[in-house]
């Protein structure tokens, strides 16, 4: 293993981690939106019952 090839692997690992973080952030945003929608639906259902 040369330093250059190690750097290449390190760079690839960083790219994979960055991609994973971006995906996790997107999933978290979607989950938050779903929670907000569910809360709104619950509020509407409660209003309809009353």
N, C-alpha and C. Protein backbone atom coordinates (compact mmCIF):
# COMPACT_ATOMS: atom_id res chain seq x y z
N UNK A 1 0.85 -1.21 0.00
CA UNK A 1 0.00 0.00 0.00
C UNK A 1 0.88 1.25 0.00
N UNK A 2 0.68 2.07 -0.98
CA UNK A 2 1.39 3.35 -1.00
C UNK A 2 0.53 4.39 -0.31
N UNK A 3 1.12 5.52 0.01
CA UNK A 3 0.36 6.61 0.65
C UNK A 3 -0.76 7.06 -0.28
N UNK A 4 -0.47 7.13 -1.58
CA UNK A 4 -1.47 7.59 -2.55
C UNK A 4 -2.68 6.67 -2.57
N UNK A 5 -2.45 5.36 -2.54
CA UNK A 5 -3.60 4.44 -2.58
C UNK A 5 -4.38 4.50 -1.28
N UNK A 6 -3.69 4.71 -0.15
CA UNK A 6 -4.37 4.86 1.12
C UNK A 6 -5.24 6.12 1.11
N UNK A 7 -4.70 7.19 0.54
CA UNK A 7 -5.47 8.44 0.45
C UNK A 7 -6.70 8.24 -0.42
N UNK A 8 -6.55 7.47 -1.51
CA UNK A 8 -7.67 7.20 -2.40
C UNK A 8 -8.78 6.46 -1.64
N UNK A 9 -8.38 5.45 -0.85
CA UNK A 9 -9.37 4.71 -0.07
C UNK A 9 -10.03 5.61 0.98
N UNK A 10 -9.22 6.45 1.62
CA UNK A 10 -9.76 7.36 2.63
C UNK A 10 -10.76 8.31 1.99
N UNK A 11 -10.45 8.80 0.80
CA UNK A 11 -11.35 9.71 0.09
C UNK A 11 -12.66 9.01 -0.26
N UNK A 12 -12.56 7.77 -0.72
CA UNK A 12 -13.76 6.99 -1.06
C UNK A 12 -14.61 6.77 0.19
N UNK A 13 -13.95 6.44 1.31
CA UNK A 13 -14.68 6.25 2.56
C UNK A 13 -15.41 7.53 2.96
N UNK A 14 -14.74 8.67 2.84
CA UNK A 14 -15.37 9.95 3.19
C UNK A 14 -16.58 10.21 2.32
N UNK A 15 -16.48 9.90 1.03
CA UNK A 15 -17.59 10.11 0.10
C UNK A 15 -18.77 9.23 0.50
N UNK A 16 -18.47 7.98 0.87
CA UNK A 16 -19.54 7.05 1.27
C UNK A 16 -20.21 7.54 2.55
N UNK A 17 -19.39 7.99 3.50
CA UNK A 17 -19.94 8.49 4.76
C UNK A 17 -20.79 9.74 4.51
N UNK A 18 -20.30 10.64 3.66
CA UNK A 18 -21.06 11.85 3.34
C UNK A 18 -22.39 11.49 2.70
N UNK A 19 -22.37 10.54 1.78
CA UNK A 19 -23.60 10.10 1.13
C UNK A 19 -24.55 9.49 2.14
N UNK A 20 -24.02 8.69 3.04
CA UNK A 20 -24.84 8.07 4.07
C UNK A 20 -25.48 9.12 4.97
N UNK A 21 -24.69 10.14 5.32
CA UNK A 21 -25.22 11.21 6.16
C UNK A 21 -26.32 11.97 5.44
N UNK A 22 -26.15 12.22 4.15
CA UNK A 22 -27.16 12.94 3.38
C UNK A 22 -28.45 12.13 3.33
N UNK A 23 -28.32 10.83 3.12
CA UNK A 23 -29.50 9.95 3.08
C UNK A 23 -30.19 9.94 4.45
N UNK A 24 -29.40 9.85 5.52
CA UNK A 24 -29.97 9.84 6.86
C UNK A 24 -30.70 11.15 7.14
N UNK A 25 -30.11 12.27 6.70
CA UNK A 25 -30.75 13.57 6.90
C UNK A 25 -32.08 13.65 6.15
N UNK A 26 -32.09 13.13 4.91
CA UNK A 26 -33.32 13.12 4.11
C UNK A 26 -34.38 12.25 4.79
N UNK A 27 -33.97 11.10 5.28
CA UNK A 27 -34.92 10.20 5.96
C UNK A 27 -35.49 10.87 7.20
N UNK A 28 -34.63 11.57 7.93
CA UNK A 28 -35.08 12.26 9.15
C UNK A 28 -36.08 13.36 8.79
N UNK A 29 -35.81 14.09 7.70
CA UNK A 29 -36.72 15.14 7.26
C UNK A 29 -38.07 14.55 6.85
N UNK A 30 -38.04 13.43 6.15
CA UNK A 30 -39.28 12.77 5.72
C UNK A 30 -40.05 12.28 6.95
N UNK A 31 -39.35 11.69 7.90
CA UNK A 31 -40.01 11.20 9.12
C UNK A 31 -40.64 12.36 9.89
N UNK A 32 -39.94 13.48 9.95
CA UNK A 32 -40.48 14.67 10.64
C UNK A 32 -41.73 15.17 9.94
N UNK A 33 -41.70 15.19 8.60
CA UNK A 33 -42.87 15.63 7.83
C UNK A 33 -44.04 14.68 8.07
N UNK A 34 -43.76 13.38 8.08
CA UNK A 34 -44.81 12.39 8.32
C UNK A 34 -45.42 12.58 9.70
N UNK A 35 -44.58 12.86 10.69
CA UNK A 35 -45.07 13.09 12.05
C UNK A 35 -45.99 14.30 12.08
N UNK A 36 -45.59 15.37 11.38
CA UNK A 36 -46.41 16.58 11.33
C UNK A 36 -47.75 16.30 10.65
N UNK A 37 -47.72 15.53 9.55
CA UNK A 37 -48.95 15.19 8.83
C UNK A 37 -49.85 14.34 9.73
N UNK A 38 -49.25 13.36 10.42
CA UNK A 38 -50.02 12.50 11.31
C UNK A 38 -50.67 13.32 12.42
N UNK A 39 -49.94 14.29 12.96
CA UNK A 39 -50.49 15.15 14.01
C UNK A 39 -51.67 15.95 13.48
N UNK A 40 -51.53 16.47 12.25
CA UNK A 40 -52.61 17.24 11.65
C UNK A 40 -53.84 16.35 11.43
N UNK A 41 -53.61 15.15 10.94
CA UNK A 41 -54.71 14.21 10.72
C UNK A 41 -55.41 13.88 12.03
N UNK A 42 -54.63 13.69 13.08
CA UNK A 42 -55.19 13.38 14.40
C UNK A 42 -56.04 14.56 14.89
N UNK A 43 -55.54 15.78 14.68
CA UNK A 43 -56.29 16.97 15.10
C UNK A 43 -57.61 17.07 14.32
N UNK A 44 -57.55 16.80 13.03
CA UNK A 44 -58.76 16.86 12.20
C UNK A 44 -59.76 15.78 12.64
N UNK A 45 -59.26 14.58 12.88
CA UNK A 45 -60.13 13.48 13.32
C UNK A 45 -60.78 13.82 14.67
N UNK A 46 -60.01 14.40 15.57
CA UNK A 46 -60.54 14.80 16.87
C UNK A 46 -61.64 15.85 16.71
N UNK A 47 -61.40 16.81 15.81
CA UNK A 47 -62.39 17.86 15.56
C UNK A 47 -63.66 17.26 14.97
N UNK A 48 -63.51 16.29 14.07
CA UNK A 48 -64.67 15.66 13.44
C UNK A 48 -65.49 14.88 14.46
N UNK A 49 -64.83 14.23 15.42
CA UNK A 49 -65.54 13.47 16.45
C UNK A 49 -66.38 14.38 17.32
N UNK A 50 -65.86 15.58 17.58
CA UNK A 50 -66.59 16.53 18.44
C UNK A 50 -67.57 17.32 17.63
